[in-house]
Protein backbone atom coordinates (compact mmCIF):
# COMPACT_ATOMS: atom_id res chain seq x y z
CA UNK A 1 11.26 24.75 -168.03
CA UNK A 2 12.00 24.98 -164.22
CA UNK A 3 9.66 24.33 -161.59
CA UNK A 4 8.99 27.21 -158.85
CA UNK A 5 11.55 27.55 -156.16
CA UNK A 6 11.38 24.84 -153.58
CA UNK A 7 12.18 25.11 -149.89
CA UNK A 8 13.41 22.42 -147.91
CA UNK A 9 14.29 22.81 -144.05
CA UNK A 10 16.80 20.64 -142.23
CA UNK A 11 15.57 20.96 -139.08
CA UNK A 12 17.96 19.85 -135.92
CA UNK A 13 20.36 18.71 -138.63
CA UNK A 14 22.32 15.77 -137.44
CA UNK A 15 19.85 14.87 -134.92
CA UNK A 16 20.49 11.46 -135.46
CA UNK A 17 24.24 11.48 -135.36
CA UNK A 18 26.73 10.38 -138.08
CA UNK A 19 25.93 7.76 -140.65
CA UNK A 20 28.70 6.34 -142.87
CA UNK A 21 26.89 2.97 -143.65
CA UNK A 22 23.84 3.69 -145.61
CA UNK A 23 23.71 5.01 -148.93
CA UNK A 24 24.19 9.01 -149.16
CA UNK A 25 20.95 9.11 -151.70
CA UNK A 26 18.68 7.13 -149.31
CA UNK A 27 19.66 8.66 -145.95
CA UNK A 28 17.22 10.49 -143.53
CA UNK A 29 18.48 14.17 -143.54
CA UNK A 30 18.49 13.99 -139.97
CA UNK A 31 21.65 12.04 -140.15
CA UNK A 32 25.30 13.56 -140.95
CA UNK A 33 27.83 12.76 -143.11
CA UNK A 34 30.33 14.44 -140.84
CA UNK A 35 29.75 15.78 -137.29
CA UNK A 36 33.23 16.48 -135.67
CA UNK A 37 33.91 17.91 -132.24
CA UNK A 38 30.10 17.80 -131.78
CA UNK A 39 27.44 16.66 -129.55
CA UNK A 40 23.71 16.21 -129.65
CA UNK A 41 22.52 19.11 -126.99
CA UNK A 42 19.62 18.74 -124.64
CA UNK A 43 17.36 20.29 -127.46
CA UNK A 44 18.43 17.57 -129.99
CA UNK A 45 20.51 19.98 -131.91
CA UNK A 46 24.05 19.41 -133.32
CA UNK A 47 26.19 21.57 -130.98
CA UNK A 48 30.10 22.14 -130.36
CA UNK A 49 31.28 19.95 -127.57
CA UNK A 50 32.92 21.46 -124.57
CA UNK A 51 36.80 21.83 -124.26
CA UNK A 52 39.54 20.56 -122.12
CA UNK A 53 40.25 23.19 -119.64
CA UNK A 54 43.48 22.09 -118.16
CA UNK A 55 43.89 22.87 -114.15
CA UNK A 56 47.34 21.45 -113.53
CA UNK A 57 49.76 24.26 -113.29
CA UNK A 58 53.30 22.32 -113.39
CA UNK A 59 53.25 18.84 -115.28
CA UNK A 60 56.89 18.35 -115.05
CA UNK A 61 56.28 15.02 -113.37
CA UNK A 62 54.82 13.79 -116.51
CA UNK A 63 58.24 14.51 -118.47
CA UNK A 64 57.52 13.85 -121.86
CA UNK A 65 54.74 11.39 -121.29
CA UNK A 66 50.92 11.91 -120.45
CA UNK A 67 48.26 10.83 -117.95
CA UNK A 68 47.23 7.29 -119.48
CA UNK A 69 44.77 6.43 -116.32
CA UNK A 70 42.73 8.23 -113.87
CA UNK A 71 41.18 7.16 -110.75
CA UNK A 72 38.89 9.04 -108.35
CA UNK A 73 39.17 7.55 -104.78
CA UNK A 74 36.57 8.33 -101.98
CA UNK A 75 35.75 6.53 -98.72
CA UNK A 76 32.79 6.78 -96.35
CA UNK A 77 34.48 9.30 -93.88
CA UNK A 78 34.66 11.79 -96.98
CA UNK A 79 38.18 11.37 -98.12
CA UNK A 80 38.83 11.72 -101.91
CA UNK A 81 41.79 11.88 -104.17
CA UNK A 82 42.28 11.97 -107.91
CA UNK A 83 45.00 9.45 -108.84
CA UNK A 84 46.94 9.59 -112.43
CA UNK A 85 49.19 7.13 -114.07
CA UNK A 86 51.93 8.45 -116.53
CA UNK A 87 55.66 8.45 -116.83
CA UNK A 88 55.90 5.26 -114.82
CA UNK A 89 54.61 7.07 -111.67
CA UNK A 90 51.46 7.17 -109.84
CA UNK A 91 50.36 10.68 -109.22
CA UNK A 92 47.58 12.50 -107.19
CA UNK A 93 46.17 15.82 -107.59
CA UNK A 94 44.69 18.28 -110.04
CA UNK A 95 46.17 21.42 -109.99
CA UNK A 96 49.18 20.28 -108.29
CA UNK A 97 50.54 16.70 -109.13
CA UNK A 98 52.28 14.75 -106.19
CA UNK A 99 54.15 11.47 -106.64
CA UNK A 100 52.53 8.73 -104.68
CA UNK A 101 54.55 5.82 -105.94
CA UNK A 102 55.81 3.73 -103.06
CA UNK A 103 59.74 4.29 -102.30
CA UNK A 104 61.68 1.82 -104.37
CA UNK A 105 58.58 0.34 -106.21
CA UNK A 106 59.53 0.00 -110.02
CA UNK A 107 56.79 0.88 -112.72
CA UNK A 108 57.17 -0.72 -116.00
CA UNK A 109 53.71 0.30 -117.49
CA UNK A 110 50.92 2.92 -116.72
CA UNK A 111 47.94 0.82 -118.03
CA UNK A 112 46.54 0.31 -114.44
CA UNK A 113 43.16 -1.19 -113.33
CA UNK A 114 42.17 0.90 -110.22
CA UNK A 115 38.98 0.22 -107.90
CA UNK A 116 37.50 1.32 -104.85
CA UNK A 117 36.52 -1.41 -102.16
CA UNK A 118 35.78 -1.06 -98.52
CA UNK A 119 37.22 2.40 -98.01
CA UNK A 120 40.43 1.74 -99.67
CA UNK A 121 41.67 2.15 -103.60
CA UNK A 122 43.48 -1.03 -105.02
CA UNK A 123 45.82 -0.96 -108.10
CA UNK A 124 46.36 -3.94 -110.32
CA UNK A 125 48.37 -4.18 -113.53
CA UNK A 126 50.12 -7.48 -115.17
CA UNK A 127 53.55 -8.10 -113.77
CA UNK A 128 53.31 -5.45 -110.85
CA UNK A 129 52.67 -6.50 -107.10
CA UNK A 130 49.10 -5.04 -106.41
CA UNK A 131 49.08 -1.54 -104.44
CA UNK A 132 46.44 -0.44 -102.10
CA UNK A 133 45.93 3.18 -100.78
CA UNK A 134 44.26 4.04 -97.43
CA UNK A 135 43.69 7.68 -96.13
CA UNK A 136 45.57 6.74 -92.99
CA UNK A 137 48.36 4.81 -94.68
CA UNK A 138 48.99 6.24 -98.11
CA UNK A 139 49.97 4.25 -101.00
CA UNK A 140 51.63 0.87 -100.20
CA UNK A 141 52.38 -2.66 -101.78
CA UNK A 142 50.09 -5.41 -100.69
CA UNK A 143 53.12 -7.15 -98.82
CA UNK A 144 53.77 -3.80 -96.69
CA UNK A 145 50.15 -3.19 -96.00
CA UNK A 146 49.57 -6.61 -94.82
CA UNK A 147 53.24 -7.80 -93.55
CA UNK A 148 52.70 -11.04 -95.78
CA UNK A 149 54.49 -11.41 -99.06
CA UNK A 150 52.20 -11.57 -101.91
CA UNK A 151 52.47 -14.45 -104.49
CA UNK A 152 52.78 -13.37 -108.17
CA UNK A 153 50.06 -15.04 -109.21
CA UNK A 154 47.96 -12.47 -107.95
CA UNK A 155 49.83 -9.97 -110.13
CA UNK A 156 46.70 -9.38 -112.12
CA UNK A 157 45.47 -7.27 -115.12
CA UNK A 158 41.76 -7.06 -114.24
CA UNK A 159 40.08 -6.48 -111.09
CA UNK A 160 36.48 -6.05 -110.05
CA UNK A 161 34.96 -4.89 -106.61
CA UNK A 162 31.58 -6.83 -106.36
CA UNK A 163 29.45 -8.77 -103.88
CA UNK A 164 31.63 -7.81 -101.00
CA UNK A 165 35.23 -9.23 -102.55
CA UNK A 166 37.73 -8.18 -104.98
CA UNK A 167 37.73 -10.33 -108.24
CA UNK A 168 40.93 -10.35 -110.23
CA UNK A 169 42.29 -12.39 -113.30
CA UNK A 170 44.98 -12.38 -115.68
CA UNK A 171 48.36 -12.59 -114.50
CA UNK A 172 50.27 -13.02 -117.95
CA UNK A 173 51.01 -16.73 -117.44
CA UNK A 174 47.33 -17.62 -116.69
CA UNK A 175 44.19 -15.88 -118.08
CA UNK A 176 41.77 -18.41 -117.33
CA UNK A 177 41.77 -18.40 -113.61
CA UNK A 178 39.60 -15.88 -111.44
CA UNK A 179 40.71 -15.14 -107.68
CA UNK A 180 38.51 -14.02 -105.27
CA UNK A 181 39.40 -12.32 -102.19
CA UNK A 182 38.21 -13.21 -98.49
CA UNK A 183 34.86 -11.32 -97.56
CA UNK A 184 35.61 -7.41 -97.30
CA UNK A 185 39.27 -8.19 -97.23
CA UNK A 186 40.98 -6.89 -100.55
CA UNK A 187 44.45 -8.06 -99.67
CA UNK A 188 43.69 -11.80 -98.98
CA UNK A 189 43.52 -14.20 -101.41
CA UNK A 190 44.47 -17.21 -99.21
CA UNK A 191 42.45 -17.20 -96.48
CA UNK A 192 38.85 -17.20 -95.06
CA UNK A 193 36.51 -17.44 -97.56
CA UNK A 194 38.85 -16.59 -100.54
CA UNK A 195 39.11 -18.99 -103.51
CA UNK A 196 39.37 -19.42 -107.46
CA UNK A 197 37.83 -20.81 -110.38
CA UNK A 198 39.26 -21.97 -113.57
CA UNK A 199 37.27 -21.15 -116.95
CA UNK A 200 39.47 -23.20 -119.34
CA UNK A 201 36.67 -26.05 -119.68
CA UNK A 202 33.66 -23.46 -119.38
CA UNK A 203 34.18 -21.32 -122.60
CA UNK A 204 31.32 -22.09 -125.26
CA UNK A 205 33.75 -22.14 -128.30
CA UNK A 206 36.15 -24.27 -126.59
CA UNK A 207 38.82 -21.81 -126.04
CA UNK A 208 39.18 -18.33 -124.96
CA UNK A 209 41.03 -15.81 -122.62
CA UNK A 210 39.47 -13.73 -119.86
CA UNK A 211 39.80 -9.96 -120.68
CA UNK A 212 37.05 -8.25 -118.35
CA UNK A 213 34.90 -8.53 -115.52
CA UNK A 214 31.66 -6.86 -114.66
CA UNK A 215 28.80 -7.43 -112.39
CA UNK A 216 25.18 -6.46 -113.32
CA UNK A 217 21.71 -7.50 -112.29
CA UNK A 218 23.24 -9.76 -109.44
CA UNK A 219 25.26 -11.59 -112.17
CA UNK A 220 29.08 -11.93 -112.63
CA UNK A 221 29.91 -11.59 -116.40
CA UNK A 222 33.17 -12.79 -117.38
CA UNK A 223 34.45 -11.27 -120.87
CA UNK A 224 36.56 -13.34 -123.23
CA UNK A 225 38.04 -12.20 -125.91
CA UNK A 226 35.55 -13.76 -128.29
CA UNK A 227 32.91 -15.35 -125.85
CA UNK A 228 30.91 -14.36 -122.60
CA UNK A 229 30.08 -16.48 -119.67
CA UNK A 230 27.58 -15.30 -117.21
CA UNK A 231 27.80 -16.63 -113.56
CA UNK A 232 24.64 -16.58 -111.09
CA UNK A 233 24.66 -16.58 -107.20
CA UNK A 234 28.11 -14.69 -107.22
CA UNK A 235 27.23 -13.59 -103.79
CA UNK A 236 28.31 -17.08 -102.77
CA UNK A 237 31.25 -17.77 -105.10
CA UNK A 238 32.04 -21.24 -104.03
CA UNK A 239 28.19 -22.25 -105.18
CA UNK A 240 27.71 -20.06 -108.13
CA UNK A 241 27.11 -21.39 -111.47
CA UNK A 242 26.86 -20.72 -115.09
CA UNK A 243 23.60 -19.03 -115.91
CA UNK A 244 24.24 -18.02 -119.70
CA UNK A 245 26.86 -17.91 -122.13
CA UNK A 246 27.38 -16.05 -125.38
CA UNK A 247 29.49 -17.06 -128.61
CA UNK A 248 31.06 -14.78 -130.83
CA UNK A 249 30.90 -11.63 -128.97
CA UNK A 250 33.81 -10.70 -126.39
CA UNK A 251 35.33 -7.72 -125.10
CA UNK A 252 38.41 -6.25 -126.96
CA UNK A 253 39.78 -3.79 -124.33
CA UNK A 254 38.86 -3.92 -120.66
CA UNK A 255 39.22 -0.33 -120.31
CA UNK A 256 36.12 0.26 -122.57
CA UNK A 257 33.78 -1.67 -119.96
CA UNK A 258 31.47 1.20 -118.52
CA UNK A 259 28.28 1.16 -116.12
CA UNK A 260 25.20 3.15 -117.14
CA UNK A 261 22.54 2.01 -114.71
CA UNK A 262 20.79 -0.18 -116.80
CA UNK A 263 23.58 -1.30 -119.14
CA UNK A 264 27.04 -2.52 -119.30
CA UNK A 265 28.83 -0.89 -122.46
CA UNK A 266 32.06 -2.59 -123.68
CA UNK A 267 34.28 -2.65 -126.88
CA UNK A 268 34.05 -5.83 -128.80
CA UNK A 269 35.96 -6.70 -132.15
CA UNK A 270 32.77 -6.45 -133.92
CA UNK A 271 31.65 -2.85 -132.77
CA UNK A 272 30.20 -1.40 -129.36
CA UNK A 273 27.95 -3.69 -127.29
CA UNK A 274 25.92 -3.35 -124.58
CA UNK A 275 23.98 -5.82 -122.28
CA UNK A 276 20.40 -4.95 -121.69
CA UNK A 277 18.94 -5.24 -118.48
CA UNK A 278 16.56 -8.17 -118.25
CA UNK A 279 13.83 -9.08 -115.45
CA UNK A 280 12.20 -12.04 -117.05
CA UNK A 281 14.33 -13.42 -119.67
CA UNK A 282 17.03 -16.05 -119.37
CA UNK A 283 19.46 -14.57 -121.97
CA UNK A 284 20.86 -11.21 -122.16
CA UNK A 285 20.44 -9.71 -125.49
CA UNK A 286 23.47 -7.82 -126.87
CA UNK A 287 22.84 -4.73 -129.09
CA UNK A 288 25.27 -3.10 -131.56
CA UNK A 289 25.43 0.47 -130.33
CA UNK A 290 27.98 1.59 -133.11
CA UNK A 291 25.73 0.02 -136.45
CA UNK A 292 25.91 3.47 -138.26
CA UNK A 293 29.55 4.07 -138.29
CA UNK A 294 30.47 0.24 -138.17
CA UNK A 295 33.04 0.21 -141.12
CA UNK A 296 34.82 3.00 -139.73
CA UNK A 297 34.87 2.28 -136.29
CA UNK A 298 35.87 -1.51 -136.83
CA UNK A 299 38.92 0.14 -138.65
CA UNK A 300 39.96 2.12 -135.57
CA UNK A 301 39.31 -0.94 -133.38
CA UNK A 302 41.54 -3.22 -135.81
CA UNK A 303 44.41 -0.38 -136.23
CA UNK A 304 44.87 0.27 -132.56
CA UNK A 305 48.06 -0.04 -131.04
CA UNK A 306 47.45 1.08 -127.55
CA UNK A 307 44.93 0.35 -125.00
CA UNK A 308 41.45 2.45 -125.36
CA UNK A 309 40.22 5.09 -122.52
CA UNK A 310 36.51 5.29 -121.83
CA UNK A 311 34.01 7.24 -119.44
CA UNK A 312 30.07 7.38 -118.94
CA UNK A 313 28.72 10.64 -117.89
CA UNK A 314 25.14 10.92 -116.93
CA UNK A 315 25.43 14.44 -116.54
CA UNK A 316 26.19 14.91 -120.48
CA UNK A 317 24.45 11.72 -121.26
CA UNK A 318 27.02 10.49 -123.29
CA UNK A 319 29.72 7.54 -123.41
CA UNK A 320 33.11 8.59 -124.49
CA UNK A 321 35.47 5.92 -126.46
CA UNK A 322 38.97 7.22 -126.97
CA UNK A 323 41.57 5.80 -129.36
CA UNK A 324 44.76 7.74 -127.91
CA UNK A 325 47.03 6.52 -130.60
CA UNK A 326 44.87 7.81 -133.48
CA UNK A 327 43.88 10.78 -131.70
CA UNK A 328 40.15 10.04 -132.05
CA UNK A 329 37.66 10.04 -129.66
CA UNK A 330 33.97 8.70 -130.41
CA UNK A 331 31.12 10.12 -128.60
CA UNK A 332 28.05 8.13 -128.29
CA UNK A 333 24.76 9.84 -127.17
CA UNK A 334 22.95 8.10 -124.65
CA UNK A 335 19.68 9.81 -124.34
CA UNK A 336 17.89 7.19 -126.51
CA UNK A 337 18.36 4.55 -129.02
CA UNK A 338 17.37 5.03 -132.76
CA UNK A 339 15.11 2.92 -134.57
CA UNK A 340 17.89 0.24 -135.45
CA UNK A 341 18.86 0.13 -131.82
CA UNK A 342 22.35 2.17 -132.39
CA UNK A 343 22.96 5.28 -130.30
CA UNK A 344 23.68 8.42 -131.98
CA UNK A 345 27.40 9.20 -132.43
CA UNK A 346 29.64 12.12 -133.38
CA UNK A 347 33.45 12.33 -133.79
CA UNK A 348 36.09 14.55 -131.95
CA UNK A 349 39.18 13.96 -134.06
CA UNK A 350 42.57 15.45 -133.75
CA UNK A 351 42.15 15.50 -130.12
CA UNK A 352 44.82 14.68 -127.40
CA UNK A 353 42.24 13.26 -124.81
CA UNK A 354 44.43 10.16 -123.57
CA UNK A 355 42.27 9.22 -120.50
CA UNK A 356 39.07 10.08 -118.55
CA UNK A 357 37.71 9.84 -115.20
CA UNK A 358 34.34 10.99 -113.58
CA UNK A 359 34.28 12.78 -109.85
CA UNK A 360 31.16 11.68 -108.23
CA UNK A 361 29.90 15.28 -108.30
CA UNK A 362 29.82 14.86 -112.14
CA UNK A 363 32.95 16.82 -112.88
CA UNK A 364 34.51 14.83 -115.90
CA UNK A 365 38.38 14.88 -116.05
CA UNK A 366 40.68 14.39 -118.98
CA UNK A 367 44.06 13.44 -118.96
CA UNK A 368 46.71 14.52 -121.33
CA UNK A 369 50.11 15.93 -121.69
CA UNK A 370 49.36 18.89 -120.00
CA UNK A 371 48.19 17.11 -116.77
CA UNK A 372 44.72 17.06 -115.47
CA UNK A 373 41.92 18.77 -117.19
CA UNK A 374 37.88 19.24 -116.89
CA UNK A 375 35.53 19.09 -119.58
CA UNK A 376 34.44 22.59 -119.76
CA UNK A 377 34.33 26.01 -121.51
CA UNK A 378 34.86 26.03 -125.26
CA UNK A 379 38.64 25.97 -125.93
CA UNK A 380 41.22 22.99 -125.65
CA UNK A 381 43.60 24.77 -122.97
CA UNK A 382 43.05 28.14 -124.90
CA UNK A 383 43.23 26.81 -128.24
CA UNK A 384 40.51 26.46 -130.76
CA UNK A 385 39.25 23.50 -132.42
CA UNK A 386 37.06 23.18 -135.68
CA UNK A 387 33.39 22.22 -135.50
CA UNK A 388 32.21 20.56 -138.75
CA UNK A 389 28.74 19.55 -140.01
CA UNK A 390 28.06 18.02 -143.33
CA UNK A 391 24.59 16.67 -144.54
CA UNK A 392 23.93 13.57 -146.74
CA UNK A 393 23.37 14.03 -150.10
CA UNK A 394 20.05 15.94 -150.80
CA UNK A 395 17.94 14.93 -153.60
CA UNK A 396 14.63 16.91 -152.93
CA UNK A 397 12.83 13.66 -153.56
CA UNK A 398 14.16 13.08 -157.23
CA UNK A 399 17.72 12.31 -157.81
CA UNK A 400 17.17 12.46 -161.55
CA UNK A 401 16.49 16.12 -161.63
CA UNK A 402 18.85 18.80 -161.80
CA UNK A 403 18.73 21.66 -158.72
CA UNK A 404 19.66 24.99 -158.79
CA UNK A 405 20.74 25.99 -155.05
CA UNK A 406 19.64 29.77 -154.57
CA UNK A 407 19.79 30.45 -150.97
CA UNK A 408 20.92 28.78 -147.99
CA UNK A 409 19.80 30.17 -144.42
CA UNK A 410 21.36 28.73 -141.44
CA UNK A 411 20.02 29.59 -138.20
CA UNK A 412 22.76 29.44 -135.26
CA UNK A 413 22.28 29.80 -131.77
CA UNK A 414 25.33 30.92 -129.60
CA UNK A 415 28.56 31.45 -131.64
CA UNK A 416 29.20 35.14 -130.20
CA UNK A 417 31.67 36.76 -132.67
CA UNK A 418 32.44 33.32 -134.29
CA UNK A 419 33.33 33.42 -138.25
CA UNK A 420 31.10 30.72 -140.12
CA UNK A 421 31.94 28.92 -143.02
CA UNK A 422 28.49 27.58 -144.96
CA UNK A 423 29.57 25.16 -147.69
CA UNK A 424 27.73 23.50 -150.31
CA UNK A 425 28.94 20.91 -153.41
CA UNK A 426 26.91 18.84 -156.02
CA UNK A 427 26.75 15.37 -157.33
CA UNK A 428 28.67 14.18 -153.94
CA UNK A 429 31.74 16.38 -155.02
CA UNK A 430 34.43 17.18 -152.16
CA UNK A 431 34.91 20.22 -154.12
CA UNK A 432 33.01 22.86 -151.77
CA UNK A 433 32.02 26.34 -152.57
CA UNK A 434 31.98 28.62 -149.56
CA UNK A 435 30.27 31.79 -148.13
CA UNK A 436 31.86 33.12 -144.92
CA UNK A 437 30.20 35.56 -142.39
CA UNK A 438 30.77 36.79 -139.05
CA UNK A 439 28.14 36.39 -135.98
CA UNK A 440 27.83 39.43 -134.11
CA UNK A 441 28.11 40.19 -130.56
CA UNK A 442 24.59 39.16 -129.95
CA UNK A 443 22.19 41.02 -127.79
CA UNK A 444 18.42 39.55 -127.24
CA UNK A 445 16.21 40.37 -130.36
CA UNK A 446 12.47 40.35 -130.80
CA UNK A 447 10.08 39.64 -133.44
CA UNK A 448 8.89 43.32 -135.05
CA UNK A 449 11.79 45.24 -133.54
CA UNK A 450 15.11 43.64 -134.84
CA UNK A 451 15.31 42.62 -138.37
CA UNK A 452 13.87 39.01 -138.91
CA UNK A 453 16.57 37.62 -141.13
CA UNK A 454 19.37 38.75 -138.40
CA UNK A 455 17.63 38.05 -135.01
CA UNK A 456 14.67 36.69 -133.31
CA UNK A 457 13.10 35.62 -130.06
CA UNK A 458 14.36 32.25 -128.97
CA UNK A 459 12.86 32.07 -125.31
CA UNK A 460 16.34 33.41 -123.64
CA UNK A 461 18.86 31.80 -126.08
CA UNK A 462 20.47 34.14 -128.64
CA UNK A 463 20.25 32.99 -132.29
CA UNK A 464 21.39 34.51 -135.63
CA UNK A 465 19.85 33.81 -139.04
CA UNK A 466 21.58 34.79 -142.31
CA UNK A 467 20.36 34.46 -145.89
CA UNK A 468 23.35 33.39 -148.30
CA UNK A 469 23.33 33.54 -152.21
CA UNK A 470 24.66 30.47 -153.66
CA UNK A 471 25.78 29.22 -157.31
CA UNK A 472 25.97 26.34 -159.36
CA UNK A 473 23.67 23.14 -160.11
CA UNK A 474 23.65 19.41 -159.97
CA UNK A 475 21.22 16.51 -159.06
CA UNK A 476 22.35 16.24 -155.63
CA UNK A 477 23.26 18.63 -153.17
CA UNK A 478 25.47 18.29 -149.84
CA UNK A 479 25.52 21.19 -147.46
CA UNK A 480 28.02 21.84 -144.68
CA UNK A 481 29.18 24.24 -142.02
CA UNK A 482 32.45 24.72 -140.24
CA UNK A 483 33.51 27.10 -137.36
CA UNK A 484 36.48 27.63 -135.15
CA UNK A 485 35.31 27.08 -131.31
CA UNK A 486 37.14 29.55 -129.31
CA UNK A 487 35.41 30.70 -125.98
CA UNK A 488 31.56 30.23 -126.73
CA UNK A 489 28.97 27.62 -127.58
CA UNK A 490 27.49 27.02 -131.25
CA UNK A 491 24.37 24.81 -131.94
CA UNK A 492 22.92 24.55 -135.53
CA UNK A 493 19.39 24.91 -135.08
CA UNK A 494 18.43 24.50 -138.86
CA UNK A 495 19.47 25.01 -142.29
CA UNK A 496 16.66 26.41 -144.84
CA UNK A 497 17.58 25.28 -148.50
CA UNK A 498 16.05 27.03 -151.28
CA UNK A 499 16.39 25.55 -154.81
CA UNK A 500 15.03 25.52 -158.30
CA UNK A 501 14.00 22.21 -159.54
CA UNK A 502 14.98 21.73 -163.41
CA UNK A 503 14.76 19.19 -166.00
CA UNK A 504 15.33 15.64 -165.63
CA UNK A 505 18.47 14.36 -166.97
């Protein structure tokens, strides 16, 4: 004989993001097995991400290529410019792209590192003479700007502006020597208080090569491929000394390094990592931010054949890491860490987001084959994208008993006019059954006035609730919902699951 109808509320489904590491039978239902093209919104709900609103009207300068890198320049006088790299050119502008490449200058690759320093922008890339941009002089080679030929050993791949100097490293022939410029003179690496240091004998594991540089908490952080050296007193480079070393963890791609104010986030071969800010401790603890998707994330790292792209957006409280060669972006929510120290994470699959940059006013730019876009609206340049949520396996506390699913009641906020596909399956099968319905053009509704199951007062947000009859039975239930996002936001508030609990198998 079956037990009475039982109700389970999936309140704020996927509040903890995707978890593909733990057993689906033991997971907290606040996790999700799938959360595609989604973010965790400010109310803790799984919601559709915003889209790529392309603002470039003519992308012909890109040819068949796309924007690999972007850099936002601004100086103390209020001048600003957005630079883009693609099709072996350095371009500027948003709605209209302008070729800024110096006359006669040949570019072989588009993976530039650009930094702002002392009212100028500096561009570095292995095998290329460095470039400098000033508002008065435009984009020039170092030699043209200074009138002095630039030694090819300064044709470096990584650059950092910190402590009143430029720091550069990795020219292809030498990945061990860091060069620093004269004080406040970013083109001078030979005069004044400029200098260099060779780290070949300093690595904790015996040998490594420098991949990235960062400045944090008054330290100079040197990321090797599989180890890290931390220098103190970098304000006086000639007197700086090693404060700490880390073995077994390094930086896999210098494009992944981002500052969040209290952390430095970077991609390693063992996952996404961060230095946590320390005041009293000598060592700098490292946390694994990608722990909940570790296996699939490391597969993406191992399979990548092109540089990554990343950005930190305090306005959206997320860190984006894109693998352009795999058309996948991972969105790490930085509003707070979970109990295991990981960040909540969602996936943005099948996206052609090639690069990112943040304007100082908070505008988040997206580079693609269409040119420069903005993270805004709810379509990708006029095209829809699929929002997907799937729960972990639900056992109602007893995986040995049969469950006969009777009703699903999803509560959705927004989604004006959207068609929703509510899905369910049993015993971890991928053969989902589906109920479809369309959310109407909503108007504010109030308890006691509108039908309770169709609309309710939500404090200014428009919500819809629909009761859907379901069929079938099994010991484990998986719930899903999909919708094409095309112009309107969508947030999943909760899903009420009603089932009969039957006998033990």
